[in-house]
Amino acid sequence: MRCTFNLIFGSVVLLGMLGCGSSGPPTHEIKGKVTFDGETIKEGVVFFESSDPKTPKVNTSISDGVYKAELPAGKYAVRITAMKMAKYPPGKVGASGEKEGPQQFLPPKFNEKSTLTADISGPRELDFALTSK
């Protein structure tokens, strides 16, 4: 019985030690500022999607125009979203009858039809100066 206990205990300790190692490739700190037409984006989200399907997608929040993320090296498609309160189009109301609500204010070329990319090879500052033109 004691031998079985030692075998089980030893296996649990070994499995625990194996789980303490690195869980993927090394990452690099990426940080920067996000503006739209020269104005700081107060709140939003930056999404990084690797061209390598094995690399998980990463998203990070924008707070007062600044974001920070940890990313493995590679090439990424980048999408940026930001909402602001705005009036709904005529005839449209919110779920409780509201006449205004949060709406995406960045053009589709920065989010749903993004043309933004990032090539990450080490820690770096990466600013996104978005414009409506």
N, C-alpha and C. Protein backbone atom coordinates (compact mmCIF):
# COMPACT_ATOMS: atom_id res chain seq x y z
N MET A 1 0.82 -1.19 0.00
CA MET A 1 0.00 0.00 0.00
C MET A 1 0.87 1.26 0.00
N ARG A 2 1.92 1.23 0.84
CA ARG A 2 2.82 2.39 0.92
C ARG A 2 3.50 2.62 -0.42
N CYS A 3 3.86 1.59 -1.13
CA CYS A 3 4.52 1.69 -2.43
C CYS A 3 3.58 2.37 -3.44
N THR A 4 2.31 2.01 -3.40
CA THR A 4 1.33 2.61 -4.31
C THR A 4 1.18 4.10 -4.01
N PHE A 5 1.13 4.46 -2.71
CA PHE A 5 1.02 5.85 -2.31
C PHE A 5 2.22 6.64 -2.83
N ASN A 6 3.43 6.11 -2.63
CA ASN A 6 4.64 6.80 -3.09
C ASN A 6 4.64 6.98 -4.60
N LEU A 7 4.18 5.97 -5.32
CA LEU A 7 4.12 6.04 -6.78
C LEU A 7 3.14 7.13 -7.23
N ILE A 8 1.97 7.17 -6.59
CA ILE A 8 0.97 8.18 -6.95
C ILE A 8 1.47 9.57 -6.57
N PHE A 9 2.02 9.71 -5.35
CA PHE A 9 2.53 11.01 -4.90
C PHE A 9 3.64 11.49 -5.82
N GLY A 10 4.57 10.61 -6.16
CA GLY A 10 5.67 10.97 -7.05
C GLY A 10 5.17 11.41 -8.43
N SER A 11 4.15 10.74 -8.94
CA SER A 11 3.59 11.09 -10.24
C SER A 11 2.93 12.46 -10.21
N VAL A 12 2.22 12.74 -9.12
CA VAL A 12 1.56 14.04 -8.98
C VAL A 12 2.60 15.16 -8.92
N VAL A 13 3.68 14.95 -8.14
CA VAL A 13 4.74 15.95 -8.04
C VAL A 13 5.40 16.17 -9.39
N LEU A 14 5.68 15.09 -10.12
CA LEU A 14 6.31 15.20 -11.43
C LEU A 14 5.42 15.95 -12.41
N LEU A 15 4.13 15.63 -12.42
CA LEU A 15 3.21 16.33 -13.31
C LEU A 15 3.12 17.81 -12.94
N GLY A 16 3.13 18.12 -11.66
CA GLY A 16 3.10 19.50 -11.22
C GLY A 16 4.34 20.26 -11.67
N MET A 17 5.49 19.63 -11.62
CA MET A 17 6.72 20.26 -12.06
C MET A 17 6.70 20.50 -13.56
N LEU A 18 6.16 19.56 -14.31
CA LEU A 18 6.08 19.73 -15.76
C LEU A 18 5.18 20.90 -16.11
N GLY A 19 4.14 21.14 -15.33
CA GLY A 19 3.21 22.23 -15.60
C GLY A 19 3.77 23.60 -15.26
N CYS A 20 4.90 23.65 -14.59
CA CYS A 20 5.46 24.94 -14.18
C CYS A 20 6.38 25.55 -15.23
N GLY A 21 6.63 24.85 -16.30
CA GLY A 21 7.53 25.37 -17.33
C GLY A 21 6.84 26.37 -18.21
N SER A 22 7.56 26.86 -19.21
CA SER A 22 7.02 27.82 -20.17
C SER A 22 5.85 27.20 -20.92
N SER A 23 4.81 27.97 -21.14
CA SER A 23 3.62 27.44 -21.81
C SER A 23 3.54 27.90 -23.26
N GLY A 24 4.64 28.30 -23.84
CA GLY A 24 4.62 28.72 -25.23
C GLY A 24 5.88 29.49 -25.57
N PRO A 25 5.88 30.05 -26.76
CA PRO A 25 7.07 30.80 -27.18
C PRO A 25 7.23 32.07 -26.34
N PRO A 26 8.45 32.61 -26.28
CA PRO A 26 8.65 33.84 -25.52
C PRO A 26 7.85 35.00 -26.13
N THR A 27 7.44 35.90 -25.27
CA THR A 27 6.66 37.04 -25.74
C THR A 27 7.46 38.33 -25.59
N HIS A 28 6.99 39.35 -26.29
CA HIS A 28 7.64 40.66 -26.27
C HIS A 28 6.60 41.71 -25.88
N GLU A 29 7.01 42.67 -25.06
CA GLU A 29 6.10 43.74 -24.68
C GLU A 29 5.97 44.74 -25.83
N ILE A 30 4.75 44.93 -26.25
CA ILE A 30 4.41 45.89 -27.30
C ILE A 30 3.51 46.93 -26.65
N LYS A 31 3.85 48.18 -26.82
CA LYS A 31 3.01 49.23 -26.26
C LYS A 31 3.02 50.43 -27.19
N GLY A 32 2.01 51.26 -27.05
CA GLY A 32 1.95 52.43 -27.90
C GLY A 32 0.73 53.28 -27.64
N LYS A 33 0.58 54.28 -28.49
CA LYS A 33 -0.53 55.22 -28.41
C LYS A 33 -1.45 55.02 -29.60
N VAL A 34 -2.72 55.31 -29.38
CA VAL A 34 -3.71 55.21 -30.46
C VAL A 34 -4.46 56.53 -30.54
N THR A 35 -4.42 57.13 -31.73
CA THR A 35 -5.13 58.39 -31.96
C THR A 35 -5.98 58.27 -33.21
N PHE A 36 -6.98 59.13 -33.30
CA PHE A 36 -7.83 59.21 -34.49
C PHE A 36 -7.97 60.67 -34.85
N ASP A 37 -7.51 61.03 -36.04
CA ASP A 37 -7.50 62.42 -36.50
C ASP A 37 -6.84 63.34 -35.46
N GLY A 38 -5.75 62.85 -34.89
CA GLY A 38 -4.97 63.64 -33.94
C GLY A 38 -5.49 63.64 -32.51
N GLU A 39 -6.66 63.06 -32.28
CA GLU A 39 -7.26 63.02 -30.94
C GLU A 39 -7.01 61.67 -30.28
N THR A 40 -6.70 61.68 -29.00
CA THR A 40 -6.50 60.45 -28.24
C THR A 40 -7.79 59.64 -28.20
N ILE A 41 -7.69 58.35 -28.46
CA ILE A 41 -8.84 57.46 -28.30
C ILE A 41 -8.90 57.10 -26.82
N LYS A 42 -9.95 57.54 -26.14
CA LYS A 42 -10.06 57.37 -24.69
C LYS A 42 -10.20 55.91 -24.30
N GLU A 43 -11.09 55.17 -24.98
CA GLU A 43 -11.32 53.76 -24.67
C GLU A 43 -11.53 52.99 -25.95
N GLY A 44 -11.03 51.78 -25.98
CA GLY A 44 -11.20 50.92 -27.15
C GLY A 44 -10.45 49.62 -26.94
N VAL A 45 -10.30 48.88 -28.02
CA VAL A 45 -9.61 47.59 -27.97
C VAL A 45 -8.75 47.45 -29.22
N VAL A 46 -7.53 46.94 -29.02
CA VAL A 46 -6.64 46.58 -30.12
C VAL A 46 -6.59 45.06 -30.18
N PHE A 47 -6.87 44.49 -31.34
CA PHE A 47 -6.85 43.05 -31.56
C PHE A 47 -5.65 42.70 -32.43
N PHE A 48 -4.87 41.71 -32.02
CA PHE A 48 -3.74 41.21 -32.80
C PHE A 48 -4.04 39.77 -33.19
N GLU A 49 -4.05 39.47 -34.50
CA GLU A 49 -4.30 38.12 -34.99
C GLU A 49 -3.10 37.68 -35.82
N SER A 50 -2.42 36.64 -35.33
CA SER A 50 -1.21 36.15 -35.99
C SER A 50 -1.53 35.47 -37.30
N SER A 51 -0.57 35.51 -38.23
CA SER A 51 -0.71 34.77 -39.48
C SER A 51 -0.45 33.28 -39.24
N ASP A 52 0.11 32.93 -38.07
CA ASP A 52 0.34 31.53 -37.68
C ASP A 52 -0.88 31.04 -36.91
N PRO A 53 -1.62 30.07 -37.45
CA PRO A 53 -2.84 29.62 -36.78
C PRO A 53 -2.59 29.00 -35.40
N LYS A 54 -1.36 28.64 -35.09
CA LYS A 54 -1.05 28.07 -33.77
C LYS A 54 -0.91 29.14 -32.70
N THR A 55 -0.71 30.38 -33.12
CA THR A 55 -0.55 31.47 -32.16
C THR A 55 -1.92 32.03 -31.80
N PRO A 56 -2.25 32.08 -30.50
CA PRO A 56 -3.56 32.59 -30.11
C PRO A 56 -3.73 34.08 -30.42
N LYS A 57 -4.96 34.48 -30.64
CA LYS A 57 -5.28 35.89 -30.85
C LYS A 57 -5.11 36.62 -29.52
N VAL A 58 -4.68 37.86 -29.60
CA VAL A 58 -4.49 38.67 -28.39
C VAL A 58 -5.27 39.96 -28.56
N ASN A 59 -6.00 40.35 -27.53
CA ASN A 59 -6.62 41.67 -27.56
C ASN A 59 -6.28 42.39 -26.26
N THR A 60 -6.18 43.68 -26.35
CA THR A 60 -5.82 44.49 -25.20
C THR A 60 -6.59 45.80 -25.24
N SER A 61 -6.90 46.31 -24.08
CA SER A 61 -7.71 47.53 -24.03
C SER A 61 -6.86 48.78 -24.21
N ILE A 62 -7.53 49.79 -24.74
CA ILE A 62 -6.96 51.13 -24.87
C ILE A 62 -7.53 51.95 -23.71
N SER A 63 -6.66 52.59 -22.96
CA SER A 63 -7.09 53.44 -21.87
C SER A 63 -6.36 54.77 -21.98
N ASP A 64 -7.12 55.84 -22.14
CA ASP A 64 -6.55 57.18 -22.35
C ASP A 64 -5.51 57.18 -23.46
N GLY A 65 -5.81 56.48 -24.54
CA GLY A 65 -4.96 56.49 -25.73
C GLY A 65 -3.76 55.56 -25.69
N VAL A 66 -3.61 54.77 -24.63
CA VAL A 66 -2.43 53.91 -24.50
C VAL A 66 -2.86 52.45 -24.38
N TYR A 67 -2.08 51.55 -25.00
CA TYR A 67 -2.32 50.11 -24.89
C TYR A 67 -0.98 49.43 -24.59
N LYS A 68 -1.07 48.19 -24.10
CA LYS A 68 0.12 47.38 -23.86
C LYS A 68 -0.28 45.93 -24.04
N ALA A 69 0.59 45.12 -24.70
CA ALA A 69 0.31 43.70 -24.93
C ALA A 69 1.60 42.90 -24.89
N GLU A 70 1.48 41.61 -24.65
CA GLU A 70 2.60 40.66 -24.72
C GLU A 70 2.33 39.76 -25.91
N LEU A 71 3.23 39.78 -26.91
CA LEU A 71 3.03 39.02 -28.14
C LEU A 71 4.27 38.20 -28.49
N PRO A 72 4.07 36.97 -28.99
CA PRO A 72 5.20 36.23 -29.56
C PRO A 72 5.62 36.89 -30.88
N ALA A 73 6.85 36.65 -31.29
CA ALA A 73 7.33 37.18 -32.57
C ALA A 73 6.44 36.67 -33.70
N GLY A 74 6.25 37.50 -34.72
CA GLY A 74 5.47 37.09 -35.88
C GLY A 74 4.79 38.26 -36.55
N LYS A 75 4.05 37.93 -37.59
CA LYS A 75 3.29 38.93 -38.34
C LYS A 75 1.83 38.88 -37.88
N TYR A 76 1.25 40.05 -37.71
CA TYR A 76 -0.10 40.15 -37.18
C TYR A 76 -0.97 41.07 -38.02
N ALA A 77 -2.23 40.68 -38.17
CA ALA A 77 -3.27 41.58 -38.66
C ALA A 77 -3.76 42.32 -37.40
N VAL A 78 -4.01 43.61 -37.52
CA VAL A 78 -4.42 44.42 -36.38
C VAL A 78 -5.78 45.04 -36.66
N ARG A 79 -6.66 44.95 -35.67
CA ARG A 79 -7.97 45.61 -35.75
C ARG A 79 -8.12 46.49 -34.51
N ILE A 80 -8.70 47.65 -34.68
CA ILE A 80 -8.91 48.56 -33.56
C ILE A 80 -10.37 48.99 -33.56
N THR A 81 -10.98 48.88 -32.38
CA THR A 81 -12.37 49.32 -32.24
C THR A 81 -12.45 50.37 -31.13
N ALA A 82 -13.37 51.30 -31.28
CA ALA A 82 -13.62 52.32 -30.26
C ALA A 82 -15.07 52.79 -30.41
N MET A 83 -15.72 52.92 -29.30
CA MET A 83 -17.13 53.31 -29.29
C MET A 83 -17.30 54.68 -28.65
N LYS A 84 -18.35 55.36 -29.08
CA LYS A 84 -18.75 56.60 -28.40
C LYS A 84 -20.27 56.70 -28.49
N MET A 85 -20.84 57.44 -27.58
CA MET A 85 -22.29 57.63 -27.58
C MET A 85 -22.67 58.51 -28.76
N ALA A 86 -23.68 58.07 -29.50
CA ALA A 86 -24.15 58.83 -30.65
C ALA A 86 -25.63 58.53 -30.88
N LYS A 87 -26.28 59.43 -31.56
CA LYS A 87 -27.70 59.23 -31.88
C LYS A 87 -27.84 58.12 -32.90
N TYR A 88 -28.90 57.32 -32.73
CA TYR A 88 -29.20 56.28 -33.71
C TYR A 88 -29.79 56.91 -34.97
N PRO A 89 -29.67 56.23 -36.10
CA PRO A 89 -30.30 56.75 -37.33
C PRO A 89 -31.82 56.83 -37.15
N PRO A 90 -32.49 57.68 -37.95
CA PRO A 90 -33.95 57.79 -37.85
C PRO A 90 -34.62 56.42 -37.97
N GLY A 91 -35.58 56.17 -37.09
CA GLY A 91 -36.33 54.92 -37.12
C GLY A 91 -35.68 53.79 -36.32
N LYS A 92 -34.47 53.99 -35.83
CA LYS A 92 -33.81 52.96 -35.05
C LYS A 92 -33.74 53.40 -33.59
N VAL A 93 -34.04 52.46 -32.68
CA VAL A 93 -33.96 52.73 -31.25
C VAL A 93 -33.25 51.58 -30.56
N GLY A 94 -32.77 51.81 -29.35
CA GLY A 94 -32.13 50.77 -28.56
C GLY A 94 -33.15 49.78 -28.01
N ALA A 95 -32.67 48.76 -27.31
CA ALA A 95 -33.53 47.71 -26.78
C ALA A 95 -34.60 48.24 -25.83
N SER A 96 -34.31 49.31 -25.13
CA SER A 96 -35.28 49.91 -24.20
C SER A 96 -35.86 51.22 -24.73
N GLY A 97 -35.75 51.43 -26.04
CA GLY A 97 -36.31 52.62 -26.66
C GLY A 97 -35.38 53.83 -26.68
N GLU A 98 -34.11 53.63 -26.32
CA GLU A 98 -33.17 54.75 -26.31
C GLU A 98 -32.98 55.31 -27.72
N LYS A 99 -32.75 56.60 -27.78
CA LYS A 99 -32.52 57.28 -29.06
C LYS A 99 -31.04 57.37 -29.40
N GLU A 100 -30.17 57.05 -28.42
CA GLU A 100 -28.74 57.04 -28.67
C GLU A 100 -28.10 55.88 -27.89
N GLY A 101 -26.89 55.52 -28.31
CA GLY A 101 -26.18 54.43 -27.64
C GLY A 101 -24.75 54.37 -28.14
N PRO A 102 -23.97 53.45 -27.59
CA PRO A 102 -22.57 53.33 -28.01
C PRO A 102 -22.49 52.81 -29.44
N GLN A 103 -21.67 53.51 -30.25
CA GLN A 103 -21.52 53.11 -31.65
C GLN A 103 -20.06 53.22 -32.06
N GLN A 104 -19.64 52.29 -32.90
CA GLN A 104 -18.28 52.29 -33.44
C GLN A 104 -18.07 53.58 -34.22
N PHE A 105 -17.02 54.32 -33.91
CA PHE A 105 -16.80 55.56 -34.65
C PHE A 105 -15.58 55.51 -35.56
N LEU A 106 -14.79 54.45 -35.48
CA LEU A 106 -13.65 54.31 -36.40
C LEU A 106 -14.13 53.70 -37.71
N PRO A 107 -13.57 54.14 -38.83
CA PRO A 107 -13.94 53.56 -40.12
C PRO A 107 -13.63 52.06 -40.19
N PRO A 108 -14.38 51.31 -41.01
CA PRO A 108 -14.16 49.87 -41.16
C PRO A 108 -12.74 49.49 -41.55
N LYS A 109 -12.00 50.39 -42.21
CA LYS A 109 -10.63 50.05 -42.63
C LYS A 109 -9.69 49.83 -41.44
N PHE A 110 -10.16 50.15 -40.21
CA PHE A 110 -9.36 49.92 -39.02
C PHE A 110 -9.90 48.78 -38.16
N ASN A 111 -11.06 48.23 -38.50
CA ASN A 111 -11.61 47.13 -37.72
C ASN A 111 -12.15 46.01 -38.60
N GLU A 112 -13.40 46.02 -38.98
CA GLU A 112 -13.96 44.88 -39.72
C GLU A 112 -13.31 44.64 -41.09
N LYS A 113 -12.75 45.66 -41.72
CA LYS A 113 -12.04 45.52 -43.00
C LYS A 113 -10.62 46.07 -42.86
N SER A 114 -9.98 45.73 -41.74
CA SER A 114 -8.70 46.34 -41.39
C SER A 114 -7.60 46.10 -42.42
N THR A 115 -6.82 47.15 -42.62
CA THR A 115 -5.63 47.08 -43.47
C THR A 115 -4.37 47.23 -42.61
N LEU A 116 -4.54 47.27 -41.28
CA LEU A 116 -3.42 47.46 -40.37
C LEU A 116 -2.67 46.14 -40.14
N THR A 117 -1.35 46.23 -40.03
CA THR A 117 -0.52 45.06 -39.74
C THR A 117 0.59 45.45 -38.76
N ALA A 118 1.19 44.42 -38.16
CA ALA A 118 2.34 44.62 -37.27
C ALA A 118 3.28 43.44 -37.43
N ASP A 119 4.57 43.73 -37.52
CA ASP A 119 5.60 42.70 -37.60
C ASP A 119 6.40 42.78 -36.29
N ILE A 120 6.23 41.77 -35.45
CA ILE A 120 6.84 41.79 -34.11
C ILE A 120 8.06 40.87 -34.11
N SER A 121 9.21 41.44 -33.72
CA SER A 121 10.44 40.64 -33.62
C SER A 121 11.14 40.88 -32.29
N GLY A 122 10.59 41.76 -31.46
CA GLY A 122 11.16 42.06 -30.16
C GLY A 122 10.32 43.13 -29.49
N PRO A 123 10.66 43.50 -28.27
CA PRO A 123 9.90 44.56 -27.60
C PRO A 123 9.96 45.85 -28.42
N ARG A 124 8.86 46.58 -28.44
CA ARG A 124 8.87 47.83 -29.21
C ARG A 124 7.67 48.70 -28.89
N GLU A 125 7.80 49.96 -29.28
CA GLU A 125 6.68 50.88 -29.23
C GLU A 125 6.06 50.91 -30.61
N LEU A 126 4.76 50.78 -30.66
CA LEU A 126 4.04 50.74 -31.92
C LEU A 126 2.80 51.61 -31.80
N ASP A 127 2.89 52.82 -32.34
CA ASP A 127 1.78 53.77 -32.29
C ASP A 127 0.89 53.59 -33.51
N PHE A 128 -0.41 53.84 -33.31
CA PHE A 128 -1.38 53.81 -34.40
C PHE A 128 -2.01 55.20 -34.50
N ALA A 129 -1.59 55.98 -35.50
CA ALA A 129 -2.13 57.31 -35.75
C ALA A 129 -3.15 57.17 -36.88
N LEU A 130 -4.40 56.92 -36.52
CA LEU A 130 -5.46 56.65 -37.50
C LEU A 130 -6.05 57.98 -37.99
N THR A 131 -6.43 58.00 -39.27
CA THR A 131 -7.05 59.20 -39.83
C THR A 131 -8.31 58.82 -40.61
N SER A 132 -9.24 59.76 -40.68
CA SER A 132 -10.49 59.51 -41.41
C SER A 132 -10.29 59.60 -42.91
N LYS A 133 -9.19 60.18 -43.35
CA LYS A 133 -8.95 60.35 -44.79
C LYS A 133 -8.21 59.18 -45.36
